[in-house]
Amino acid sequence: MDSKYSHVIDLRSDTVTKPTDEMREAMKNAVVGDDVFGDDPTVKELEAKAAALLGKEAGLFVTSGNFKTINCLNFFLLPVFIICIQ
Protein backbone atom coordinates (compact mmCIF):
# COMPACT_ATOMS: atom_id res chain seq x y z
CA MET A 1 0.00 0.00 0.00
CA ASP A 2 1.25 3.47 -0.86
CA SER A 3 2.82 5.22 2.15
CA LYS A 4 0.39 8.13 1.83
CA TYR A 5 -2.39 5.64 2.70
CA SER A 6 -0.50 3.79 5.44
CA HIS A 7 -2.97 5.05 8.09
CA VAL A 8 -5.92 3.41 6.30
CA ILE A 9 -7.25 0.07 7.53
CA ASP A 10 -8.89 -1.87 4.73
CA LEU A 11 -11.89 -3.74 6.17
CA ARG A 12 -13.18 -5.29 2.94
CA SER A 13 -12.11 -8.73 4.12
CA ASP A 14 -10.30 -10.32 7.02
CA THR A 15 -7.72 -11.54 4.49
CA VAL A 16 -6.86 -8.04 3.25
CA THR A 17 -5.75 -6.39 6.49
CA LYS A 18 -3.18 -8.35 8.47
CA PRO A 19 -3.15 -7.84 12.26
CA THR A 20 -0.31 -5.85 13.76
CA ASP A 21 1.60 -7.05 16.81
CA GLU A 22 -0.52 -4.69 18.93
CA MET A 23 -3.71 -6.20 17.50
CA ARG A 24 -2.47 -9.72 18.24
CA GLU A 25 -1.60 -8.70 21.80
CA ALA A 26 -5.07 -7.21 22.29
CA MET A 27 -6.66 -10.42 20.99
CA LYS A 28 -4.46 -12.53 23.25
CA ASN A 29 -5.44 -10.53 26.34
CA ALA A 30 -9.13 -10.04 25.52
CA VAL A 31 -11.74 -11.23 27.97
CA VAL A 32 -13.97 -13.63 26.05
CA GLY A 33 -17.21 -15.49 26.49
CA ASP A 34 -19.89 -17.13 24.39
CA ASP A 35 -21.52 -14.41 22.27
CA VAL A 36 -24.37 -16.75 21.26
CA PHE A 37 -25.54 -16.76 24.88
CA GLY A 38 -24.70 -13.06 25.39
CA ASP A 39 -21.77 -13.88 27.67
CA ASP A 40 -18.96 -12.17 25.74
CA PRO A 41 -18.21 -8.83 27.43
CA THR A 42 -16.14 -7.60 24.48
CA VAL A 43 -18.99 -8.16 22.02
CA LYS A 44 -21.50 -6.58 24.41
CA GLU A 45 -19.24 -3.52 24.77
CA LEU A 46 -18.79 -3.24 21.00
CA GLU A 47 -22.55 -3.48 20.40
CA ALA A 48 -23.25 -0.84 23.08
CA LYS A 49 -20.61 1.54 21.67
CA ALA A 50 -21.97 1.15 18.13
CA ALA A 51 -25.54 1.76 19.32
CA ALA A 52 -24.50 4.87 21.27
CA LEU A 53 -22.45 6.18 18.34
CA LEU A 54 -25.41 5.80 15.97
CA GLY A 55 -28.05 6.93 18.48
CA LYS A 56 -29.80 3.56 18.46
CA GLU A 57 -31.34 1.48 21.23
CA ALA A 58 -29.10 -1.52 20.58
CA GLY A 59 -26.41 -2.84 18.28
CA LEU A 60 -25.85 -6.27 16.76
CA PHE A 61 -22.42 -7.68 15.97
CA VAL A 62 -22.29 -10.16 13.11
CA THR A 63 -19.18 -12.04 12.12
CA SER A 64 -19.39 -11.74 8.34
CA GLY A 65 -20.86 -9.81 5.46
CA ASN A 66 -22.89 -12.87 4.48
CA PHE A 67 -24.41 -13.09 7.94
CA LYS A 68 -25.27 -9.38 7.77
CA THR A 69 -26.93 -9.81 4.39
CA ILE A 70 -29.01 -12.77 5.59
CA ASN A 71 -30.16 -10.77 8.63
CA CYS A 72 -31.14 -7.81 6.44
CA LEU A 73 -33.04 -10.00 3.99
CA ASN A 74 -34.88 -11.73 6.84
CA PHE A 75 -35.75 -8.39 8.41
CA PHE A 76 -37.14 -6.91 5.20
CA LEU A 77 -38.61 -9.97 3.47
CA LEU A 78 -39.84 -12.28 6.23
CA PRO A 79 -42.78 -10.06 7.32
CA VAL A 80 -43.94 -9.83 3.69
CA PHE A 81 -43.56 -13.58 3.25
CA ILE A 82 -45.58 -14.28 6.40
CA ILE A 83 -48.38 -11.95 5.26
CA CYS A 84 -48.43 -13.60 1.80
CA ILE A 85 -48.78 -17.15 3.11
CA GLN A 86 -51.48 -16.27 5.62
C-alpha atoms as a PDB file:
ATOM      1  CA  MET A   1       0.000   0.000   0.000  1.00  0.00           C
ATOM      2  CA  ASP A   2       1.251   3.468  -0.862  1.00  0.00           C
ATOM      3  CA  SER A   3       2.824   5.220   2.150  1.00  0.00           C
ATOM      4  CA  LYS A   4       0.390   8.130   1.827  1.00  0.00           C
ATOM      5  CA  TYR A   5      -2.392   5.636   2.701  1.00  0.00           C
ATOM      6  CA  SER A   6      -0.501   3.791   5.435  1.00  0.00           C
ATOM      7  CA  HIS A   7      -2.965   5.053   8.090  1.00  0.00           C
ATOM      8  CA  VAL A   8      -5.919   3.408   6.297  1.00  0.00           C
ATOM      9  CA  ILE A   9      -7.252   0.072   7.533  1.00  0.00           C
ATOM     10  CA  ASP A  10      -8.890  -1.869   4.730  1.00  0.00           C
ATOM     11  CA  LEU A  11     -11.893  -3.739   6.175  1.00  0.00           C
ATOM     12  CA  ARG A  12     -13.183  -5.289   2.944  1.00  0.00           C
ATOM     13  CA  SER A  13     -12.115  -8.727   4.117  1.00  0.00           C
ATOM     14  CA  ASP A  14     -10.296 -10.315   7.019  1.00  0.00           C
ATOM     15  CA  THR A  15      -7.723 -11.543   4.491  1.00  0.00           C
ATOM     16  CA  VAL A  16      -6.856  -8.035   3.247  1.00  0.00           C
ATOM     17  CA  THR A  17      -5.750  -6.394   6.495  1.00  0.00           C
ATOM     18  CA  LYS A  18      -3.184  -8.345   8.465  1.00  0.00           C
ATOM     19  CA  PRO A  19      -3.153  -7.841  12.261  1.00  0.00           C
ATOM     20  CA  THR A  20      -0.307  -5.852  13.760  1.00  0.00           C
ATOM     21  CA  ASP A  21       1.604  -7.049  16.814  1.00  0.00           C
ATOM     22  CA  GLU A  22      -0.518  -4.688  18.926  1.00  0.00           C
ATOM     23  CA  MET A  23      -3.707  -6.203  17.501  1.00  0.00           C
ATOM     24  CA  ARG A  24      -2.471  -9.716  18.242  1.00  0.00           C
ATOM     25  CA  GLU A  25      -1.598  -8.697  21.802  1.00  0.00           C
ATOM     26  CA  ALA A  26      -5.069  -7.210  22.292  1.00  0.00           C
ATOM     27  CA  MET A  27      -6.656 -10.422  20.995  1.00  0.00           C
ATOM     28  CA  LYS A  28      -4.460 -12.533  23.247  1.00  0.00           C
ATOM     29  CA  ASN A  29      -5.444 -10.526  26.341  1.00  0.00           C
ATOM     30  CA  ALA A  30      -9.129 -10.036  25.521  1.00  0.00           C
ATOM     31  CA  VAL A  31     -11.743 -11.228  27.972  1.00  0.00           C
ATOM     32  CA  VAL A  32     -13.968 -13.629  26.050  1.00  0.00           C
ATOM     33  CA  GLY A  33     -17.212 -15.490  26.494  1.00  0.00           C
ATOM     34  CA  ASP A  34     -19.895 -17.125  24.386  1.00  0.00           C
ATOM     35  CA  ASP A  35     -21.515 -14.411  22.270  1.00  0.00           C
ATOM     36  CA  VAL A  36     -24.367 -16.751  21.258  1.00  0.00           C
ATOM     37  CA  PHE A  37     -25.540 -16.757  24.885  1.00  0.00           C
ATOM     38  CA  GLY A  38     -24.702 -13.058  25.386  1.00  0.00           C
ATOM     39  CA  ASP A  39     -21.769 -13.883  27.667  1.00  0.00           C
ATOM     40  CA  ASP A  40     -18.962 -12.166  25.740  1.00  0.00           C
ATOM     41  CA  PRO A  41     -18.213  -8.828  27.428  1.00  0.00           C
ATOM     42  CA  THR A  42     -16.141  -7.599  24.480  1.00  0.00           C
ATOM     43  CA  VAL A  43     -18.995  -8.161  22.015  1.00  0.00           C
ATOM     44  CA  LYS A  44     -21.496  -6.578  24.407  1.00  0.00           C
ATOM     45  CA  GLU A  45     -19.241  -3.525  24.774  1.00  0.00           C
ATOM     46  CA  LEU A  46     -18.785  -3.242  20.997  1.00  0.00           C
ATOM     47  CA  GLU A  47     -22.548  -3.477  20.395  1.00  0.00           C
ATOM     48  CA  ALA A  48     -23.245  -0.840  23.082  1.00  0.00           C
ATOM     49  CA  LYS A  49     -20.611   1.537  21.675  1.00  0.00           C
ATOM     50  CA  ALA A  50     -21.971   1.151  18.131  1.00  0.00           C
ATOM     51  CA  ALA A  51     -25.536   1.765  19.317  1.00  0.00           C
ATOM     52  CA  ALA A  52     -24.495   4.872  21.267  1.00  0.00           C
ATOM     53  CA  LEU A  53     -22.450   6.181  18.338  1.00  0.00           C
ATOM     54  CA  LEU A  54     -25.407   5.797  15.973  1.00  0.00           C
ATOM     55  CA  GLY A  55     -28.048   6.928  18.478  1.00  0.00           C
ATOM     56  CA  LYS A  56     -29.805   3.563  18.464  1.00  0.00           C
ATOM     57  CA  GLU A  57     -31.344   1.477  21.232  1.00  0.00           C
ATOM     58  CA  ALA A  58     -29.098  -1.524  20.580  1.00  0.00           C
ATOM     59  CA  GLY A  59     -26.407  -2.843  18.277  1.00  0.00           C
ATOM     60  CA  LEU A  60     -25.847  -6.270  16.761  1.00  0.00           C
ATOM     61  CA  PHE A  61     -22.416  -7.676  15.969  1.00  0.00           C
ATOM     62  CA  VAL A  62     -22.294 -10.162  13.111  1.00  0.00           C
ATOM     63  CA  THR A  63     -19.178 -12.037  12.115  1.00  0.00           C
ATOM     64  CA  SER A  64     -19.394 -11.740   8.336  1.00  0.00           C
ATOM     65  CA  GLY A  65     -20.857  -9.810   5.460  1.00  0.00           C
ATOM     66  CA  ASN A  66     -22.888 -12.868   4.475  1.00  0.00           C
ATOM     67  CA  PHE A  67     -24.413 -13.086   7.941  1.00  0.00           C
ATOM     68  CA  LYS A  68     -25.272  -9.378   7.772  1.00  0.00           C
ATOM     69  CA  THR A  69     -26.928  -9.811   4.390  1.00  0.00           C
ATOM     70  CA  ILE A  70     -29.008 -12.766   5.590  1.00  0.00           C
ATOM     71  CA  ASN A  71     -30.155 -10.774   8.627  1.00  0.00           C
ATOM     72  CA  CYS A  72     -31.142  -7.813   6.443  1.00  0.00           C
ATOM     73  CA  LEU A  73     -33.039 -10.002   3.987  1.00  0.00           C
ATOM     74  CA  ASN A  74     -34.882 -11.731   6.839  1.00  0.00           C
ATOM     75  CA  PHE A  75     -35.746  -8.389   8.409  1.00  0.00           C
ATOM     76  CA  PHE A  76     -37.136  -6.908   5.202  1.00  0.00           C
ATOM     77  CA  LEU A  77     -38.615  -9.965   3.474  1.00  0.00           C
ATOM     78  CA  LEU A  78     -39.835 -12.278   6.225  1.00  0.00           C
ATOM     79  CA  PRO A  79     -42.779 -10.064   7.317  1.00  0.00           C
ATOM     80  CA  VAL A  80     -43.943  -9.833   3.690  1.00  0.00           C
ATOM     81  CA  PHE A  81     -43.562 -13.576   3.247  1.00  0.00           C
ATOM     82  CA  ILE A  82     -45.576 -14.283   6.402  1.00  0.00           C
ATOM     83  CA  ILE A  83     -48.379 -11.955   5.262  1.00  0.00           C
ATOM     84  CA  CYS A  84     -48.430 -13.598   1.796  1.00  0.00           C
ATOM     85  CA  ILE A  85     -48.776 -17.145   3.106  1.00  0.00           C
ATOM     86  CA  GLN A  86     -51.482 -16.266   5.622  1.00  0.00           C
END
